[in-house]
Each structure stands twice: as structure tokens, then as C-alpha cells.
Amino acid sequence: MDFSQFNSAEQAHLTKAMEMKQMQDFMKLYSGLVERCFMSCANDFTSRALSSKEDACVNNCVDKFLKHSERVGARFAEFSGEMMNPGQKP
């Protein structure tokens, strides 16, 4: 994003606002992942530790989420490239 039209104080303020928004988005994403995997995997509350079955479930849940995020990011990058260069074939 080009902030050159703003003075340094405005640039600093906009940068800080963008960083805050990114942190909020990350925390929302992380909280959603934790909730999704916890609700799917934590079944036995008689122990403080995860059972081996629960541990494997959490690992699989997080792994699938990360792979999904990577794939979505790659597709978004491809789509963005197509939008920026319409009519070009890969």
C-alpha cells in the first residue's frame, strides 16, 4: 500500500492500524482453529493430559487446517495474478 501521500505521523498511524487489524485477524483465525480442534478432539475430561487418541486428532486437525490454508493462499495468489494480468496464459 502506498502511503507516500501522507505525512510521517499519518503514515505511522496507518501502519499501526494495519498491524492491529492483522493481529486481530490472526487471533480470530487462531481462536477459531483452537475451538474447532478442541470441540472435535477433546472428549475425555477425566485427565489433565490429552489421550493419545486426542493428541493424534489435534495433530490431524491442525495439519489439515494448515494444508487448507496453504492451498487457499496459493489459489488466491494465482487468482490475483490472473486479475493483474488478464489475458495471459501460464
PDB file of N, CA and C in Angstrom:
ATOM      1  N   MET A   1       0.840  -1.163   0.000  1.00  0.00           N
ATOM      2  CA  MET A   1       0.000   0.000   0.000  1.00  0.00           C
ATOM      3  C   MET A   1       0.895   1.239   0.000  1.00  0.00           C
ATOM      4  N   ASP A   2       0.551   2.218  -0.785  1.00  0.00           N
ATOM      5  CA  ASP A   2       1.365   3.420  -0.926  1.00  0.00           C
ATOM      6  C   ASP A   2       0.882   4.502   0.039  1.00  0.00           C
ATOM      7  N   PHE A   3       1.727   4.824   1.011  1.00  0.00           N
ATOM      8  CA  PHE A   3       1.399   5.855   1.994  1.00  0.00           C
ATOM      9  C   PHE A   3       2.158   7.148   1.721  1.00  0.00           C
ATOM     10  N   SER A   4       2.775   7.274   0.569  1.00  0.00           N
ATOM     11  CA  SER A   4       3.635   8.424   0.292  1.00  0.00           C
ATOM     12  C   SER A   4       2.888   9.755   0.285  1.00  0.00           C
ATOM     13  N   GLN A   5       1.592   9.711   0.111  1.00  0.00           N
ATOM     14  CA  GLN A   5       0.816  10.945   0.087  1.00  0.00           C
ATOM     15  C   GLN A   5       0.546  11.506   1.492  1.00  0.00           C
ATOM     16  N   PHE A   6       0.878  10.722   2.520  1.00  0.00           N
ATOM     17  CA  PHE A   6       0.641  11.138   3.900  1.00  0.00           C
ATOM     18  C   PHE A   6       1.939  11.592   4.559  1.00  0.00           C
ATOM     19  N   ASN A   7       1.805  12.444   5.584  1.00  0.00           N
ATOM     20  CA  ASN A   7       2.999  12.844   6.332  1.00  0.00           C
ATOM     21  C   ASN A   7       3.420  11.690   7.243  1.00  0.00           C
ATOM     22  N   SER A   8       4.570  11.822   7.877  1.00  0.00           N
ATOM     23  CA  SER A   8       5.135  10.713   8.649  1.00  0.00           C
ATOM     24  C   SER A   8       4.244  10.304   9.824  1.00  0.00           C
ATOM     25  N   ALA A   9       3.598  11.254  10.479  1.00  0.00           N
ATOM     26  CA  ALA A   9       2.708  10.912  11.594  1.00  0.00           C
ATOM     27  C   ALA A   9       1.503  10.116  11.094  1.00  0.00           C
ATOM     28  N   GLU A  10       0.951  10.523   9.968  1.00  0.00           N
ATOM     29  CA  GLU A  10      -0.186   9.803   9.389  1.00  0.00           C
ATOM     30  C   GLU A  10       0.237   8.413   8.918  1.00  0.00           C
ATOM     31  N   GLN A  11       1.427   8.327   8.331  1.00  0.00           N
ATOM     32  CA  GLN A  11       1.947   7.032   7.896  1.00  0.00           C
ATOM     33  C   GLN A  11       2.112   6.091   9.080  1.00  0.00           C
ATOM     34  N   ALA A  12       2.660   6.598  10.163  1.00  0.00           N
ATOM     35  CA  ALA A  12       2.855   5.783  11.364  1.00  0.00           C
ATOM     36  C   ALA A  12       1.511   5.319  11.917  1.00  0.00           C
ATOM     37  N   HIS A  13       0.525   6.220  11.923  1.00  0.00           N
ATOM     38  CA  HIS A  13      -0.804   5.880  12.427  1.00  0.00           C
ATOM     39  C   HIS A  13      -1.447   4.798  11.545  1.00  0.00           C
ATOM     40  N   LEU A  14      -1.365   4.940  10.242  1.00  0.00           N
ATOM     41  CA  LEU A  14      -1.947   3.954   9.328  1.00  0.00           C
ATOM     42  C   LEU A  14      -1.243   2.606   9.444  1.00  0.00           C
ATOM     43  N   THR A  15       0.072   2.642   9.572  1.00  0.00           N
ATOM     44  CA  THR A  15       0.833   1.400   9.732  1.00  0.00           C
ATOM     45  C   THR A  15       0.424   0.682  11.013  1.00  0.00           C
ATOM     46  N   LYS A  16       0.293   1.439  12.097  1.00  0.00           N
ATOM     47  CA  LYS A  16      -0.113   0.850  13.372  1.00  0.00           C
ATOM     48  C   LYS A  16      -1.524   0.265  13.273  1.00  0.00           C
ATOM     49  N   ALA A  17      -2.425   0.989  12.606  1.00  0.00           N
ATOM     50  CA  ALA A  17      -3.799   0.500  12.440  1.00  0.00           C
ATOM     51  C   ALA A  17      -3.820  -0.797  11.621  1.00  0.00           C
ATOM     52  N   MET A  18      -3.009  -0.864  10.575  1.00  0.00           N
ATOM     53  CA  MET A  18      -2.943  -2.080   9.764  1.00  0.00           C
ATOM     54  C   MET A  18      -2.377  -3.246  10.570  1.00  0.00           C
ATOM     55  N   GLU A  19      -1.356  -2.982  11.371  1.00  0.00           N
ATOM     56  CA  GLU A  19      -0.768  -4.025  12.205  1.00  0.00           C
ATOM     57  C   GLU A  19      -1.770  -4.545  13.224  1.00  0.00           C
ATOM     58  N   MET A  20      -2.544  -3.639  13.799  1.00  0.00           N
ATOM     59  CA  MET A  20      -3.576  -4.038  14.768  1.00  0.00           C
ATOM     60  C   MET A  20      -4.633  -4.910  14.090  1.00  0.00           C
ATOM     61  N   LYS A  21      -5.055  -4.523  12.899  1.00  0.00           N
ATOM     62  CA  LYS A  21      -6.059  -5.293  12.164  1.00  0.00           C
ATOM     63  C   LYS A  21      -5.516  -6.675  11.814  1.00  0.00           C
ATOM     64  N   GLN A  22      -4.261  -6.744  11.386  1.00  0.00           N
ATOM     65  CA  GLN A  22      -3.656  -8.032  11.075  1.00  0.00           C
ATOM     66  C   GLN A  22      -3.589  -8.915  12.313  1.00  0.00           C
ATOM     67  N   MET A  23      -3.240  -8.327  13.457  1.00  0.00           N
ATOM     68  CA  MET A  23      -3.175  -9.100  14.703  1.00  0.00           C
ATOM     69  C   MET A  23      -4.569  -9.588  15.094  1.00  0.00           C
ATOM     70  N   GLN A  24      -5.576  -8.745  14.952  1.00  0.00           N
ATOM     71  CA  GLN A  24      -6.946  -9.153  15.260  1.00  0.00           C
ATOM     72  C   GLN A  24      -7.382 -10.293  14.348  1.00  0.00           C
ATOM     73  N   ASP A  25      -7.072 -10.180  13.061  1.00  0.00           N
ATOM     74  CA  ASP A  25      -7.430 -11.234  12.111  1.00  0.00           C
ATOM     75  C   ASP A  25      -6.723 -12.540  12.458  1.00  0.00           C
ATOM     76  N   PHE A  26      -5.437 -12.452  12.816  1.00  0.00           N
ATOM     77  CA  PHE A  26      -4.691 -13.647  13.195  1.00  0.00           C
ATOM     78  C   PHE A  26      -5.295 -14.286  14.438  1.00  0.00           C
ATOM     79  N   MET A  27      -5.601 -13.480  15.444  1.00  0.00           N
ATOM     80  CA  MET A  27      -6.155 -14.020  16.684  1.00  0.00           C
ATOM     81  C   MET A  27      -7.520 -14.658  16.447  1.00  0.00           C
ATOM     82  N   LYS A  28      -8.321 -14.071  15.577  1.00  0.00           N
ATOM     83  CA  LYS A  28      -9.625 -14.651  15.239  1.00  0.00           C
ATOM     84  C   LYS A  28      -9.429 -16.000  14.551  1.00  0.00           C
ATOM     85  N   LEU A  29      -8.496 -16.066  13.621  1.00  0.00           N
ATOM     86  CA  LEU A  29      -8.191 -17.304  12.917  1.00  0.00           C
ATOM     87  C   LEU A  29      -7.678 -18.364  13.888  1.00  0.00           C
ATOM     88  N   TYR A  30      -6.740 -17.981  14.750  1.00  0.00           N
ATOM     89  CA  TYR A  30      -6.166 -18.906  15.726  1.00  0.00           C
ATOM     90  C   TYR A  30      -7.236 -19.404  16.699  1.00  0.00           C
ATOM     91  N   SER A  31      -8.060 -18.499  17.190  1.00  0.00           N
ATOM     92  CA  SER A  31      -9.121 -18.893  18.132  1.00  0.00           C
ATOM     93  C   SER A  31     -10.103 -19.857  17.480  1.00  0.00           C
ATOM     94  N   GLY A  32     -10.435 -19.599  16.235  1.00  0.00           N
ATOM     95  CA  GLY A  32     -11.329 -20.496  15.511  1.00  0.00           C
ATOM     96  C   GLY A  32     -10.728 -21.885  15.348  1.00  0.00           C
ATOM     97  N   LEU A  33      -9.428 -21.936  15.045  1.00  0.00           N
ATOM     98  CA  LEU A  33      -8.744 -23.220  14.910  1.00  0.00           C
ATOM     99  C   LEU A  33      -8.741 -23.965  16.234  1.00  0.00           C
ATOM    100  N   VAL A  34      -8.400 -23.272  17.306  1.00  0.00           N
ATOM    101  CA  VAL A  34      -8.360 -23.906  18.630  1.00  0.00           C
ATOM    102  C   VAL A  34      -9.748 -24.433  18.996  1.00  0.00           C
ATOM    103  N   GLU A  35     -10.770 -23.620  18.784  1.00  0.00           N
ATOM    104  CA  GLU A  35     -12.131 -24.048  19.127  1.00  0.00           C
ATOM    105  C   GLU A  35     -12.557 -25.252  18.277  1.00  0.00           C
ATOM    106  N   ARG A  36     -12.304 -25.185  16.978  1.00  0.00           N
ATOM    107  CA  ARG A  36     -12.704 -26.269  16.078  1.00  0.00           C
ATOM    108  C   ARG A  36     -12.024 -27.586  16.469  1.00  0.00           C
ATOM    109  N   CYS A  37     -10.718 -27.522  16.681  1.00  0.00           N
ATOM    110  CA  CYS A  37      -9.987 -28.750  17.013  1.00  0.00           C
ATOM    111  C   CYS A  37     -10.337 -29.243  18.413  1.00  0.00           C
ATOM    112  N   PHE A  38     -10.540 -28.344  19.355  1.00  0.00           N
ATOM    113  CA  PHE A  38     -10.914 -28.751  20.707  1.00  0.00           C
ATOM    114  C   PHE A  38     -12.272 -29.439  20.701  1.00  0.00           C
ATOM    115  N   MET A  39     -13.239 -28.830  20.036  1.00  0.00           N
ATOM    116  CA  MET A  39     -14.587 -29.391  20.013  1.00  0.00           C
ATOM    117  C   MET A  39     -14.605 -30.754  19.314  1.00  0.00           C
ATOM    118  N   SER A  40     -13.754 -30.920  18.308  1.00  0.00           N
ATOM    119  CA  SER A  40     -13.706 -32.182  17.565  1.00  0.00           C
ATOM    120  C   SER A  40     -12.919 -33.267  18.290  1.00  0.00           C
ATOM    121  N   CYS A  41     -11.926 -32.879  19.068  1.00  0.00           N
ATOM    122  CA  CYS A  41     -10.960 -33.865  19.569  1.00  0.00           C
ATOM    123  C   CYS A  41     -10.998 -34.115  21.068  1.00  0.00           C
ATOM    124  N   ALA A  42     -11.337 -33.131  21.868  1.00  0.00           N
ATOM    125  CA  ALA A  42     -11.296 -33.313  23.324  1.00  0.00           C
ATOM    126  C   ALA A  42     -12.600 -33.960  23.787  1.00  0.00           C
ATOM    127  N   ASN A  43     -12.493 -35.203  24.218  1.00  0.00           N
ATOM    128  CA  ASN A  43     -13.688 -35.952  24.624  1.00  0.00           C
ATOM    129  C   ASN A  43     -13.644 -36.432  26.068  1.00  0.00           C
ATOM    130  N   ASP A  44     -12.447 -36.630  26.589  1.00  0.00           N
ATOM    131  CA  ASP A  44     -12.288 -37.214  27.922  1.00  0.00           C
ATOM    132  C   ASP A  44     -11.752 -36.150  28.872  1.00  0.00           C
ATOM    133  N   PHE A  45     -12.573 -35.735  29.806  1.00  0.00           N
ATOM    134  CA  PHE A  45     -12.182 -34.686  30.742  1.00  0.00           C
ATOM    135  C   PHE A  45     -11.826 -35.234  32.123  1.00  0.00           C
ATOM    136  N   THR A  46     -11.487 -36.526  32.177  1.00  0.00           N
ATOM    137  CA  THR A  46     -11.100 -37.132  33.455  1.00  0.00           C
ATOM    138  C   THR A  46      -9.610 -36.979  33.724  1.00  0.00           C
ATOM    139  N   SER A  47      -8.863 -36.449  32.748  1.00  0.00           N
ATOM    140  CA  SER A  47      -7.429 -36.267  32.897  1.00  0.00           C
ATOM    141  C   SER A  47      -7.036 -34.887  32.389  1.00  0.00           C
ATOM    142  N   ARG A  48      -5.964 -34.350  32.965  1.00  0.00           N
ATOM    143  CA  ARG A  48      -5.470 -33.042  32.506  1.00  0.00           C
ATOM    144  C   ARG A  48      -4.768 -33.143  31.164  1.00  0.00           C
ATOM    145  N   ALA A  49      -4.212 -34.301  30.877  1.00  0.00           N
ATOM    146  CA  ALA A  49      -3.445 -34.511  29.648  1.00  0.00           C
ATOM    147  C   ALA A  49      -4.345 -35.076  28.547  1.00  0.00           C
ATOM    148  N   LEU A  50      -3.938 -34.819  27.316  1.00  0.00           N
ATOM    149  CA  LEU A  50      -4.648 -35.408  26.189  1.00  0.00           C
ATOM    150  C   LEU A  50      -4.318 -36.895  26.093  1.00  0.00           C
ATOM    151  N   SER A  51      -5.308 -37.680  25.733  1.00  0.00           N
ATOM    152  CA  SER A  51      -5.029 -39.097  25.466  1.00  0.00           C
ATOM    153  C   SER A  51      -4.287 -39.182  24.133  1.00  0.00           C
ATOM    154  N   SER A  52      -3.730 -40.334  23.853  1.00  0.00           N
ATOM    155  CA  SER A  52      -3.005 -40.492  22.583  1.00  0.00           C
ATOM    156  C   SER A  52      -3.961 -40.315  21.404  1.00  0.00           C
ATOM    157  N   LYS A  53      -5.195 -40.761  21.559  1.00  0.00           N
ATOM    158  CA  LYS A  53      -6.197 -40.597  20.502  1.00  0.00           C
ATOM    159  C   LYS A  53      -6.518 -39.108  20.298  1.00  0.00           C
ATOM    160  N   GLU A  54      -6.695 -38.380  21.398  1.00  0.00           N
ATOM    161  CA  GLU A  54      -6.983 -36.943  21.305  1.00  0.00           C
ATOM    162  C   GLU A  54      -5.795 -36.183  20.720  1.00  0.00           C
ATOM    163  N   ASP A  55      -4.602 -36.563  21.137  1.00  0.00           N
ATOM    164  CA  ASP A  55      -3.390 -35.917  20.629  1.00  0.00           C
ATOM    165  C   ASP A  55      -3.270 -36.113  19.115  1.00  0.00           C
ATOM    166  N   ALA A  56      -3.511 -37.325  18.650  1.00  0.00           N
ATOM    167  CA  ALA A  56      -3.456 -37.607  17.209  1.00  0.00           C
ATOM    168  C   ALA A  56      -4.536 -36.808  16.475  1.00  0.00           C
ATOM    169  N   CYS A  57      -5.711 -36.722  17.061  1.00  0.00           N
ATOM    170  CA  CYS A  57      -6.807 -35.961  16.456  1.00  0.00           C
ATOM    171  C   CYS A  57      -6.442 -34.483  16.318  1.00  0.00           C
ATOM    172  N   VAL A  58      -5.877 -33.902  17.373  1.00  0.00           N
ATOM    173  CA  VAL A  58      -5.478 -32.490  17.333  1.00  0.00           C
ATOM    174  C   VAL A  58      -4.414 -32.279  16.270  1.00  0.00           C
ATOM    175  N   ASN A  59      -3.425 -33.162  16.225  1.00  0.00           N
ATOM    176  CA  ASN A  59      -2.372 -33.040  15.211  1.00  0.00           C
ATOM    177  C   ASN A  59      -2.944 -33.109  13.800  1.00  0.00           C
ATOM    178  N   ASN A  60      -3.872 -34.037  13.558  1.00  0.00           N
ATOM    179  CA  ASN A  60      -4.506 -34.151  12.250  1.00  0.00           C
ATOM    180  C   ASN A  60      -5.347 -32.921  11.921  1.00  0.00           C
ATOM    181  N   CYS A  61      -6.073 -32.420  12.907  1.00  0.00           N
ATOM    182  CA  CYS A  61      -6.920 -31.248  12.717  1.00  0.00           C
ATOM    183  C   CYS A  61      -6.077 -30.035  12.317  1.00  0.00           C
ATOM    184  N   VAL A  62      -5.019 -29.800  13.054  1.00  0.00           N
ATOM    185  CA  VAL A  62      -4.142 -28.657  12.768  1.00  0.00           C
ATOM    186  C   VAL A  62      -3.451 -28.840  11.425  1.00  0.00           C
ATOM    187  N   ASP A  63      -2.996 -30.057  11.143  1.00  0.00           N
ATOM    188  CA  ASP A  63      -2.332 -30.329   9.869  1.00  0.00           C
ATOM    189  C   ASP A  63      -3.268 -30.059   8.691  1.00  0.00           C
ATOM    190  N   LYS A  64      -4.495 -30.539   8.784  1.00  0.00           N
ATOM    191  CA  LYS A  64      -5.473 -30.288   7.723  1.00  0.00           C
ATOM    192  C   LYS A  64      -5.748 -28.802   7.564  1.00  0.00           C
ATOM    193  N   PHE A  65      -5.870 -28.100   8.676  1.00  0.00           N
ATOM    194  CA  PHE A  65      -6.129 -26.667   8.617  1.00  0.00           C
ATOM    195  C   PHE A  65      -4.987 -25.936   7.927  1.00  0.00           C
ATOM    196  N   LEU A  66      -3.751 -26.270   8.291  1.00  0.00           N
ATOM    197  CA  LEU A  66      -2.593 -25.608   7.693  1.00  0.00           C
ATOM    198  C   LEU A  66      -2.479 -25.920   6.208  1.00  0.00           C
ATOM    199  N   LYS A  67      -2.723 -27.169   5.825  1.00  0.00           N
ATOM    200  CA  LYS A  67      -2.688 -27.536   4.407  1.00  0.00           C
ATOM    201  C   LYS A  67      -3.785 -26.808   3.635  1.00  0.00           C
ATOM    202  N   HIS A  68      -4.953 -26.709   4.242  1.00  0.00           N
ATOM    203  CA  HIS A  68      -6.060 -25.986   3.612  1.00  0.00           C
ATOM    204  C   HIS A  68      -5.698 -24.518   3.433  1.00  0.00           C
ATOM    205  N   SER A  69      -5.151 -23.914   4.461  1.00  0.00           N
ATOM    206  CA  SER A  69      -4.763 -22.505   4.387  1.00  0.00           C
ATOM    207  C   SER A  69      -3.705 -22.273   3.320  1.00  0.00           C
ATOM    208  N   GLU A  70      -2.745 -23.197   3.229  1.00  0.00           N
ATOM    209  CA  GLU A  70      -1.694 -23.095   2.218  1.00  0.00           C
ATOM    210  C   GLU A  70      -2.299 -23.172   0.815  1.00  0.00           C
ATOM    211  N   ARG A  71      -3.213 -24.094   0.628  1.00  0.00           N
ATOM    212  CA  ARG A  71      -3.853 -24.265  -0.689  1.00  0.00           C
ATOM    213  C   ARG A  71      -4.695 -23.047  -1.050  1.00  0.00           C
ATOM    214  N   VAL A  72      -5.450 -22.543  -0.102  1.00  0.00           N
ATOM    215  CA  VAL A  72      -6.262 -21.347  -0.360  1.00  0.00           C
ATOM    216  C   VAL A  72      -5.352 -20.172  -0.700  1.00  0.00           C
ATOM    217  N   GLY A  73      -4.263 -20.019   0.036  1.00  0.00           N
ATOM    218  CA  GLY A  73      -3.312 -18.938  -0.248  1.00  0.00           C
ATOM    219  C   GLY A  73      -2.719 -19.050  -1.645  1.00  0.00           C
ATOM    220  N   ALA A  74      -2.381 -20.268  -2.052  1.00  0.00           N
ATOM    221  CA  ALA A  74      -1.821 -20.481  -3.388  1.00  0.00           C
ATOM    222  C   ALA A  74      -2.850 -20.149  -4.461  1.00  0.00           C
ATOM    223  N   ARG A  75      -4.082 -20.575  -4.254  1.00  0.00           N
ATOM    224  CA  ARG A  75      -5.142 -20.271  -5.221  1.00  0.00           C
ATOM    225  C   ARG A  75      -5.414 -18.772  -5.277  1.00  0.00           C
ATOM    226  N   PHE A  76      -5.404 -18.128  -4.137  1.00  0.00           N
ATOM    227  CA  PHE A  76      -5.610 -16.687  -4.100  1.00  0.00           C
ATOM    228  C   PHE A  76      -4.499 -15.971  -4.867  1.00  0.00           C
ATOM    229  N   ALA A  77      -3.260 -16.428  -4.691  1.00  0.00           N
ATOM    230  CA  ALA A  77      -2.134 -15.829  -5.408  1.00  0.00           C
ATOM    231  C   ALA A  77      -2.294 -16.023  -6.915  1.00  0.00           C
ATOM    232  N   GLU A  78      -2.721 -17.208  -7.327  1.00  0.00           N
ATOM    233  CA  GLU A  78      -2.959 -17.457  -8.751  1.00  0.00           C
ATOM    234  C   GLU A  78      -4.056 -16.546  -9.279  1.00  0.00           C
ATOM    235  N   PHE A  79      -5.141 -16.455  -8.552  1.00  0.00           N
ATOM    236  CA  PHE A  79      -6.265 -15.624  -8.957  1.00  0.00           C
ATOM    237  C   PHE A  79      -5.853 -14.157  -9.032  1.00  0.00           C
ATOM    238  N   SER A  80      -5.087 -13.709  -8.046  1.00  0.00           N
ATOM    239  CA  SER A  80      -4.614 -12.321  -8.045  1.00  0.00           C
ATOM    240  C   SER A  80      -3.732 -12.049  -9.257  1.00  0.00           C
ATOM    241  N   GLY A  81      -2.870 -13.015  -9.589  1.00  0.00           N
ATOM    242  CA  GLY A  81      -2.010 -12.874 -10.756  1.00  0.00           C
ATOM    243  C   GLY A  81      -2.816 -12.777 -12.036  1.00  0.00           C
ATOM    244  N   GLU A  82      -3.859 -13.580 -12.136  1.00  0.00           N
ATOM    245  CA  GLU A  82      -4.732 -13.543 -13.310  1.00  0.00           C
ATOM    246  C   GLU A  82      -5.471 -12.199 -13.400  1.00  0.00           C
ATOM    247  N   MET A  83      -5.879 -11.688 -12.258  1.00  0.00           N
ATOM    248  CA  MET A  83      -6.579 -10.400 -12.245  1.00  0.00           C
ATOM    249  C   MET A  83      -5.659  -9.251 -12.622  1.00  0.00           C
ATOM    250  N   MET A  84      -4.403  -9.353 -12.237  1.00  0.00           N
ATOM    251  CA  MET A  84      -3.453  -8.292 -12.529  1.00  0.00           C
ATOM    252  C   MET A  84      -2.966  -8.352 -13.974  1.00  0.00           C
ATOM    253  N   ASN A  85      -2.993  -9.546 -14.581  1.00  0.00           N
ATOM    254  CA  ASN A  85      -2.522  -9.742 -15.958  1.00  0.00           C
ATOM    255  C   ASN A  85      -3.577 -10.481 -16.769  1.00  0.00           C
ATOM    256  N   PRO A  86      -4.726  -9.863 -17.040  1.00  0.00           N
ATOM    257  CA  PRO A  86      -5.781 -10.561 -17.771  1.00  0.00           C
ATOM    258  C   PRO A  86      -5.335 -10.917 -19.193  1.00  0.00           C
ATOM    259  N   GLY A  87      -5.776 -12.072 -19.638  1.00  0.00           N
ATOM    260  CA  GLY A  87      -5.481 -12.487 -20.998  1.00  0.00           C
ATOM    261  C   GLY A  87      -4.183 -13.229 -21.173  1.00  0.00           C
ATOM    262  N   GLN A  88      -3.344 -13.286 -20.148  1.00  0.00           N
ATOM    263  CA  GLN A  88      -2.079 -14.021 -20.264  1.00  0.00           C
ATOM    264  C   GLN A  88      -2.282 -15.456 -19.838  1.00  0.00           C
ATOM    265  N   LYS A  89      -1.706 -16.368 -20.584  1.00  0.00           N
ATOM    266  CA  LYS A  89      -1.756 -17.790 -20.257  1.00  0.00           C
ATOM    267  C   LYS A  89      -0.510 -18.166 -19.471  1.00  0.00           C
ATOM    268  N   PRO A  90      -0.637 -19.076 -18.488  1.00  0.00           N
ATOM    269  CA  PRO A  90       0.536 -19.502 -17.711  1.00  0.00           C
ATOM    270  C   PRO A  90       1.521 -20.284 -18.533  1.00  0.00           C
TER     271      PRO A  90
END
